[in-house]
Amino acid sequence: MTGRKLLLSPPVQFSLVLKPSGSQEADLCLFCVAYILLTGMADESLFDFLHMEIVSQIYKEQQSGKEEMDNKDRAVCVSVLESMGFRVGQGLIERLTRDSPSFKDELDVMKFVCKDFWTKVFRRQVDNLRTNHQGTYVLQDNTFSLLTQLSNGKQYLDQAPKYLAFSCGIVRGALSSLGLDSVVTAEVSVMPSCKFQVVVQKL
């Protein structure tokens, strides 16, 4: 599948290759999200709206012609969204770290992600970072921005996973560009609080 190259005009000197998802509407929203994040023009309501549109279009395309979606269909949607987020995360972290000094170690990378990267993408720092010092990290965000529009408490809890796949991809993409292959998952027990688990894959 051929990629589309999004060229952002000055003062942004950057190119981001995004593979089409199969939905023109979702691809357009993705390009807008990438542009907003990469240029630092992040408007809170606009970013949230575009993210919800991406999710909506991906699920709509997958459900097309079907009365309802099964678990396999939902898994496909999550995979597509995670992959889209991965490419955005790669591009964003390259821009953020262009003039940064080298990181000392794995923990130093994670601290940067929790503070600078998280603030850039989600407009606030992670509330808490825990690690077992064996490659597993837990990032706690007590007011995750992409869940605040859904509900507070346990209402719509079953809808949370589809609104977290893109974010998991963003984090995984960022870590990949910093040399850390990882598996990123998210867990929600009470919205809008969210717990991201990052497991770094050791070679």
Foldseek 3Di string as FASTA:
>chain_A
DAWDWDADDPPQGFIFTARDLPFPLLVVLLSVLLNCLRVVVDDLVSNLVSLVSNLVRLLCVLCPPHPDDDPVSVVSSLVSLLQSLLRSLQRNLCSVCVPPDAAPDDVSLVQCCQQVVCCSNQVHGFPDWDDPVQQKIKTKRAAGSNFVVPDWFCPPVVVPSSSCSSVQSSVQNNVVNSPWHWHWDKDDDTPPIIMIMIGTDDD
